[in-house]
Amino acid sequence: MTPRPRSPARVLAVVVGAPVTAFAIGAVLVERLPIAMAVRFPVGAHAMLWSWVALVLALPLCSSGARAWAWCGAGITVAALLGLGAAT
């Protein structure tokens, strides 16, 4: 089995895109969950941590850098749409 060539765009997606996407997911959960702030913050922080871990493990498996960036963009888009939703 031949090793997959390293794509600079895929590496940048892991190094730059994964933390930004994870922060967007955690921030929207802290902002929008309809529970007390004492519970919202830990839930958002844990969601940010585990979504970052999932992205760091999954993005290098993408077939191209464009696909890795598309996953980051999809996560940020979903977080933005949830953040722009109706006030709770």
Protein backbone atom coordinates (compact mmCIF):
# COMPACT_ATOMS: atom_id res chain seq x y z
CA MET A 1 0.00 0.00 0.00
CA THR A 2 1.47 3.34 -0.99
CA PRO A 3 1.30 6.19 1.51
CA ARG A 4 -0.99 9.09 0.72
CA PRO A 5 0.88 12.27 -0.24
CA ARG A 6 0.63 15.09 2.25
CA SER A 7 -1.51 17.96 1.05
CA PRO A 8 -0.58 21.40 2.46
CA ALA A 9 -4.23 22.45 2.27
CA ARG A 10 -5.30 19.42 4.28
CA VAL A 11 -2.64 20.13 6.92
CA LEU A 12 -3.76 23.77 7.11
CA ALA A 13 -7.36 22.64 7.52
CA VAL A 14 -6.29 20.56 10.52
CA VAL A 15 -4.09 23.26 12.06
CA VAL A 16 -6.27 26.32 11.35
CA GLY A 17 -9.75 25.14 10.39
CA ALA A 18 -10.33 22.57 13.13
CA PRO A 19 -9.83 24.95 16.09
CA VAL A 20 -11.92 27.69 14.48
CA THR A 21 -14.74 25.26 13.70
CA ALA A 22 -14.62 23.77 17.19
CA PHE A 23 -14.72 27.23 18.76
CA ALA A 24 -17.73 28.18 16.64
CA ILE A 25 -19.58 25.03 17.74
CA GLY A 26 -18.74 25.56 21.42
CA ALA A 27 -19.59 29.26 21.33
CA VAL A 28 -23.01 28.72 19.76
CA LEU A 29 -23.84 26.08 22.36
CA VAL A 30 -22.85 28.42 25.21
CA GLU A 31 -24.93 31.18 23.65
CA ARG A 32 -28.05 29.26 22.63
CA LEU A 33 -28.67 26.36 25.02
CA PRO A 34 -31.83 27.05 27.05
CA ILE A 35 -30.33 26.05 30.40
CA ALA A 36 -28.60 27.89 33.24
CA MET A 37 -25.25 29.52 32.47
CA ALA A 38 -23.60 27.41 35.16
CA VAL A 39 -24.41 24.36 33.03
CA ARG A 40 -24.17 25.93 29.56
CA PHE A 41 -20.52 26.91 29.85
CA PRO A 42 -19.17 23.44 30.74
CA VAL A 43 -21.35 21.85 28.05
CA GLY A 44 -20.06 24.30 25.44
CA ALA A 45 -16.45 23.88 26.56
CA HIS A 46 -16.68 20.10 26.39
CA ALA A 47 -18.41 20.26 23.00
CA MET A 48 -15.60 22.50 21.74
CA LEU A 49 -12.92 20.14 23.03
CA TRP A 50 -14.46 16.96 21.62
CA SER A 51 -15.43 18.50 18.29
CA TRP A 52 -11.83 19.71 17.93
CA VAL A 53 -10.53 16.22 18.69
CA ALA A 54 -12.97 14.69 16.18
CA LEU A 55 -11.95 17.17 13.47
CA VAL A 56 -8.23 16.69 14.11
CA LEU A 57 -8.68 12.94 13.74
CA ALA A 58 -11.06 13.06 10.75
CA LEU A 59 -9.72 15.86 8.54
CA PRO A 60 -6.43 14.13 7.61
CA LEU A 61 -8.51 11.25 6.26
CA CYS A 62 -10.21 13.48 3.67
CA SER A 63 -9.20 12.79 0.10
CA SER A 64 -8.19 16.39 -0.61
CA GLY A 65 -7.55 19.70 1.07
CA ALA A 66 -10.67 21.16 -0.50
CA ARG A 67 -12.81 18.45 1.04
CA ALA A 68 -11.21 19.03 4.46
CA TRP A 69 -11.91 22.75 4.21
CA ALA A 70 -15.47 21.98 3.09
CA TRP A 71 -16.04 20.01 6.32
CA CYS A 72 -14.73 22.96 8.34
CA GLY A 73 -16.92 25.35 6.38
CA ALA A 74 -19.97 23.15 6.88
CA GLY A 75 -19.41 23.08 10.64
CA ILE A 76 -18.99 26.84 10.83
CA THR A 77 -22.07 27.36 8.64
CA VAL A 78 -24.22 25.14 10.85
CA ALA A 79 -22.95 26.93 13.96
CA ALA A 80 -23.63 30.33 12.39
CA LEU A 81 -27.15 29.34 11.36
CA LEU A 82 -27.88 28.06 14.86
CA GLY A 83 -26.46 31.27 16.32
CA LEU A 84 -28.62 33.42 14.06
CA GLY A 85 -31.79 31.50 14.95
CA ALA A 86 -34.61 32.83 17.06
CA ALA A 87 -33.71 34.03 20.55
CA THR A 88 -34.39 31.53 23.30
